[in-house]
PDB file of N, CA and C in Angstrom:
ATOM      1  N   MET A   1      -5.443   1.234  12.012  1.00  0.00           N
ATOM      2  CA  MET A   1      -4.375  -0.001  11.227  1.00  0.00           C
ATOM      3  C   MET A   1      -2.713   0.129  11.661  1.00  0.00           C
ATOM      4  N   SER A   2      -1.967  -0.762  11.877  1.00  0.00           N
ATOM      5  CA  SER A   2      -0.932  -1.022  12.681  1.00  0.00           C
ATOM      6  C   SER A   2      -0.121   0.204  11.496  1.00  0.00           C
ATOM      7  N   GLN A   3       1.257   0.235  12.103  1.00  0.00           N
ATOM      8  CA  GLN A   3       1.724   0.876  11.377  1.00  0.00           C
ATOM      9  C   GLN A   3       3.649   0.239  10.623  1.00  0.00           C
ATOM     10  N   ASP A   4       2.501  -0.584   9.527  1.00  0.00           N
ATOM     11  CA  ASP A   4       3.882  -1.502   9.414  1.00  0.00           C
ATOM     12  C   ASP A   4       4.416  -0.625   7.985  1.00  0.00           C
ATOM     13  N   LEU A   5       5.126  -1.107   7.666  1.00  0.00           N
ATOM     14  CA  LEU A   5       5.933   0.084   6.365  1.00  0.00           C
ATOM     15  C   LEU A   5       5.857   0.077   5.393  1.00  0.00           C
ATOM     16  N   ILE A   6       4.671  -0.459   5.235  1.00  0.00           N
ATOM     17  CA  ILE A   6       3.713   0.424   3.986  1.00  0.00           C
ATOM     18  C   ILE A   6       3.162   1.037   4.385  1.00  0.00           C
ATOM     19  N   THR A   7       2.403   0.779   5.404  1.00  0.00           N
ATOM     20  CA  THR A   7       1.819   2.091   5.821  1.00  0.00           C
ATOM     21  C   THR A   7       2.320   4.063   6.289  1.00  0.00           C
ATOM     22  N   LYS A   8       3.652   3.668   6.836  1.00  0.00           N
ATOM     23  CA  LYS A   8       4.628   4.295   6.930  1.00  0.00           C
ATOM     24  C   LYS A   8       4.742   5.275   6.160  1.00  0.00           C
ATOM     25  N   THR A   9       5.295   4.113   4.607  1.00  0.00           N
ATOM     26  CA  THR A   9       5.604   4.506   3.391  1.00  0.00           C
ATOM     27  C   THR A   9       4.464   5.924   2.895  1.00  0.00           C
ATOM     28  N   LEU A  10       3.244   5.375   3.105  1.00  0.00           N
ATOM     29  CA  LEU A  10       2.165   5.983   2.576  1.00  0.00           C
ATOM     30  C   LEU A  10       2.271   7.689   3.906  1.00  0.00           C
ATOM     31  N   LYS A  11       2.549   7.419   4.700  1.00  0.00           N
ATOM     32  CA  LYS A  11       1.961   9.022   5.207  1.00  0.00           C
ATOM     33  C   LYS A  11       2.926   9.735   4.913  1.00  0.00           C
ATOM     34  N   THR A  12       4.625   9.197   5.088  1.00  0.00           N
ATOM     35  CA  THR A  12       5.160   9.884   4.685  1.00  0.00           C
ATOM     36  C   THR A  12       5.709  10.012   3.090  1.00  0.00           C
ATOM     37  N   TYR A  13       4.977   9.512   2.479  1.00  0.00           N
ATOM     38  CA  TYR A  13       5.485   9.872   0.559  1.00  0.00           C
ATOM     39  C   TYR A  13       4.022  10.174  -0.190  1.00  0.00           C
ATOM     40  N   PHE A  14       2.710   9.806   0.271  1.00  0.00           N
ATOM     41  CA  PHE A  14       1.909  10.412  -0.163  1.00  0.00           C
ATOM     42  C   PHE A  14       1.542  11.935   0.201  1.00  0.00           C
ATOM     43  N   ILE A  15       0.957  10.983   1.699  1.00  0.00           N
ATOM     44  CA  ILE A  15       0.335  12.752   2.691  1.00  0.00           C
ATOM     45  C   ILE A  15       1.178  13.394   2.885  1.00  0.00           C
ATOM     46  N   LYS A  16       2.388  13.151   2.993  1.00  0.00           N
ATOM     47  CA  LYS A  16       3.378  14.305   3.465  1.00  0.00           C
ATOM     48  C   LYS A  16       4.133  15.081   2.436  1.00  0.00           C
ATOM     49  N   LYS A  17       4.934  14.372   1.681  1.00  0.00           N
ATOM     50  CA  LYS A  17       5.509  15.089   0.358  1.00  0.00           C
ATOM     51  C   LYS A  17       4.932  14.953  -0.946  1.00  0.00           C
ATOM     52  N   GLY A  18       3.989  14.264  -1.142  1.00  0.00           N
ATOM     53  CA  GLY A  18       2.636  14.328  -1.685  1.00  0.00           C
ATOM     54  C   GLY A  18       3.458  13.436  -3.267  1.00  0.00           C
ATOM     55  N   LYS A  19       3.812  13.013  -3.053  1.00  0.00           N
ATOM     56  CA  LYS A  19       4.463  12.032  -4.303  1.00  0.00           C
ATOM     57  C   LYS A  19       3.595  10.826  -4.652  1.00  0.00           C
ATOM     58  N   SER A  20       3.444  11.045  -6.050  1.00  0.00           N
ATOM     59  CA  SER A  20       2.145   9.606  -6.749  1.00  0.00           C
ATOM     60  C   SER A  20       2.344   7.283  -5.745  1.00  0.00           C
ATOM     61  N   LEU A  21       2.101   7.531  -6.438  1.00  0.00           N
ATOM     62  CA  LEU A  21       1.162   5.951  -6.227  1.00  0.00           C
ATOM     63  C   LEU A  21       2.445   5.148  -6.207  1.00  0.00           C
ATOM     64  N   LYS A  22       2.817   5.372  -8.071  1.00  0.00           N
ATOM     65  CA  LYS A  22       3.727   4.572  -8.846  1.00  0.00           C
ATOM     66  C   LYS A  22       4.988   5.657  -8.517  1.00  0.00           C
ATOM     67  N   VAL A  23       5.389   6.795  -7.903  1.00  0.00           N
ATOM     68  CA  VAL A  23       6.794   6.470  -7.058  1.00  0.00           C
ATOM     69  C   VAL A  23       7.521   5.448  -5.795  1.00  0.00           C
ATOM     70  N   ILE A  24       6.021   5.599  -4.982  1.00  0.00           N
ATOM     71  CA  ILE A  24       6.064   5.367  -3.922  1.00  0.00           C
ATOM     72  C   ILE A  24       5.948   3.581  -3.991  1.00  0.00           C
ATOM     73  N   GLN A  25       5.754   3.171  -5.030  1.00  0.00           N
ATOM     74  CA  GLN A  25       5.411   1.818  -5.717  1.00  0.00           C
ATOM     75  C   GLN A  25       6.650   1.571  -5.763  1.00  0.00           C
ATOM     76  N   ARG A  26       7.080   1.845  -6.172  1.00  0.00           N
ATOM     77  CA  ARG A  26       9.147   2.235  -7.161  1.00  0.00           C
ATOM     78  C   ARG A  26       9.760   2.354  -6.139  1.00  0.00           C
ATOM     79  N   TYR A  27       9.879   2.853  -4.962  1.00  0.00           N
ATOM     80  CA  TYR A  27      10.581   3.675  -3.815  1.00  0.00           C
ATOM     81  C   TYR A  27      10.571   1.648  -2.981  1.00  0.00           C
ATOM     82  N   LEU A  28       9.301   1.455  -2.826  1.00  0.00           N
ATOM     83  CA  LEU A  28       9.210  -0.037  -1.814  1.00  0.00           C
ATOM     84  C   LEU A  28       9.875  -0.920  -2.388  1.00  0.00           C
ATOM     85  N   SER A  29      10.563  -0.908  -3.963  1.00  0.00           N
ATOM     86  CA  SER A  29      10.803  -2.054  -4.648  1.00  0.00           C
ATOM     87  C   SER A  29      12.212  -1.756  -5.073  1.00  0.00           C
ATOM     88  N   VAL A  30      12.591  -0.866  -5.148  1.00  0.00           N
ATOM     89  CA  VAL A  30      14.297  -0.288  -5.144  1.00  0.00           C
ATOM     90  C   VAL A  30      15.243  -0.987  -3.244  1.00  0.00           C
ATOM     91  N   LYS A  31      14.181   0.114  -2.908  1.00  0.00           N
ATOM     92  CA  LYS A  31      14.916   0.013  -1.539  1.00  0.00           C
ATOM     93  C   LYS A  31      14.234  -1.329  -0.608  1.00  0.00           C
ATOM     94  N   TYR A  32      13.861  -2.472  -0.932  1.00  0.00           N
ATOM     95  CA  TYR A  32      12.871  -3.009   0.310  1.00  0.00           C
ATOM     96  C   TYR A  32      12.918  -4.396  -0.395  1.00  0.00           C
ATOM     97  N   ARG A  33      12.748  -4.651  -1.831  1.00  0.00           N
ATOM     98  CA  ARG A  33      12.622  -5.494  -2.495  1.00  0.00           C
ATOM     99  C   ARG A  33      11.144  -6.235  -2.200  1.00  0.00           C
ATOM    100  N   MET A  34       9.698  -5.130  -2.181  1.00  0.00           N
ATOM    101  CA  MET A  34       8.602  -5.831  -1.946  1.00  0.00           C
ATOM    102  C   MET A  34       7.821  -4.946  -3.590  1.00  0.00           C
ATOM    103  N   HIS A  35       7.617  -6.090  -4.335  1.00  0.00           N
ATOM    104  CA  HIS A  35       7.055  -6.009  -5.171  1.00  0.00           C
ATOM    105  C   HIS A  35       5.310  -5.835  -5.076  1.00  0.00           C
ATOM    106  N   ILE A  36       4.375  -4.534  -5.068  1.00  0.00           N
ATOM    107  CA  ILE A  36       3.552  -4.719  -4.604  1.00  0.00           C
ATOM    108  C   ILE A  36       2.281  -3.393  -5.628  1.00  0.00           C
ATOM    109  N   GLU A  37       1.746  -4.406  -5.770  1.00  0.00           N
ATOM    110  CA  GLU A  37       0.103  -3.628  -7.323  1.00  0.00           C
ATOM    111  C   GLU A  37       0.455  -2.466  -6.574  1.00  0.00           C
ATOM    112  N   GLU A  38      -0.659  -1.531  -7.922  1.00  0.00           N
ATOM    113  CA  GLU A  38      -0.506  -0.057  -7.613  1.00  0.00           C
ATOM    114  C   GLU A  38      -2.096  -0.380  -6.965  1.00  0.00           C
ATOM    115  N   LYS A  39      -3.084  -1.207  -6.718  1.00  0.00           N
ATOM    116  CA  LYS A  39      -4.546  -1.602  -6.397  1.00  0.00           C
ATOM    117  C   LYS A  39      -3.859  -1.761  -5.400  1.00  0.00           C
ATOM    118  N   ILE A  40      -2.988  -2.557  -4.535  1.00  0.00           N
ATOM    119  CA  ILE A  40      -3.418  -2.419  -3.143  1.00  0.00           C
ATOM    120  C   ILE A  40      -3.132  -1.976  -2.439  1.00  0.00           C
ATOM    121  N   LEU A  41      -1.812  -0.880  -2.775  1.00  0.00           N
ATOM    122  CA  LEU A  41      -1.629   0.744  -2.295  1.00  0.00           C
ATOM    123  C   LEU A  41      -2.335   1.617  -1.837  1.00  0.00           C
ATOM    124  N   ARG A  42      -3.848   1.209  -2.921  1.00  0.00           N
ATOM    125  CA  ARG A  42      -4.723   2.579  -3.866  1.00  0.00           C
ATOM    126  C   ARG A  42      -5.458   2.075  -2.094  1.00  0.00           C
ATOM    127  N   LYS A  43      -5.593   0.842  -2.032  1.00  0.00           N
ATOM    128  CA  LYS A  43      -6.606  -0.008  -0.737  1.00  0.00           C
ATOM    129  C   LYS A  43      -6.467   0.776   0.245  1.00  0.00           C
ATOM    130  N   ARG A  44      -4.472   0.149   0.259  1.00  0.00           N
ATOM    131  CA  ARG A  44      -4.167   1.139   2.359  1.00  0.00           C
ATOM    132  C   ARG A  44      -4.396   2.114   2.026  1.00  0.00           C
ATOM    133  N   LEU A  45      -4.467   3.064   0.800  1.00  0.00           N
ATOM    134  CA  LEU A  45      -4.569   4.296   0.876  1.00  0.00           C
ATOM    135  C   LEU A  45      -5.802   4.734   1.708  1.00  0.00           C
ATOM    136  N   GLN A  46      -7.255   4.248   1.121  1.00  0.00           N
ATOM    137  CA  GLN A  46      -8.215   4.024   1.268  1.00  0.00           C
ATOM    138  C   GLN A  46      -8.039   4.065   2.681  1.00  0.00           C
ATOM    139  N   ASP A  47      -7.693   2.923   2.747  1.00  0.00           N
ATOM    140  CA  ASP A  47      -8.960   2.640   4.015  1.00  0.00           C
ATOM    141  C   ASP A  47      -7.285   3.730   5.989  1.00  0.00           C
ATOM    142  N   LEU A  48      -6.146   4.041   5.345  1.00  0.00           N
ATOM    143  CA  LEU A  48      -5.283   5.152   6.031  1.00  0.00           C
ATOM    144  C   LEU A  48      -6.964   6.170   5.830  1.00  0.00           C
ATOM    145  N   ARG A  49      -7.541   6.506   4.703  1.00  0.00           N
ATOM    146  CA  ARG A  49      -8.177   8.096   5.055  1.00  0.00           C
ATOM    147  C   ARG A  49      -9.332   7.735   5.964  1.00  0.00           C
ATOM    148  N   VAL A  50     -10.168   5.878   5.891  1.00  0.00           N
ATOM    149  CA  VAL A  50     -11.121   6.279   6.638  1.00  0.00           C
ATOM    150  C   VAL A  50     -10.758   6.089   7.893  1.00  0.00           C
ATOM    151  N   ASN A  51      -9.889   5.826   8.770  1.00  0.00           N
ATOM    152  CA  ASN A  51      -9.297   5.989  10.001  1.00  0.00           C
ATOM    153  C   ASN A  51      -8.541   7.228  10.191  1.00  0.00           C
TER     154      ASN A  51
END
């Protein structure tokens, strides 16, 4: 999977720092104005764990 903004954010905040997906969703919304559904973040996280 390519190192896009969502992937980098998931690696940094979910895997390394242990933040919840809700917090990551809020972070992306506030900082980058990206409104991403939680199920999409879960799917991306699942793809990260497979690779």
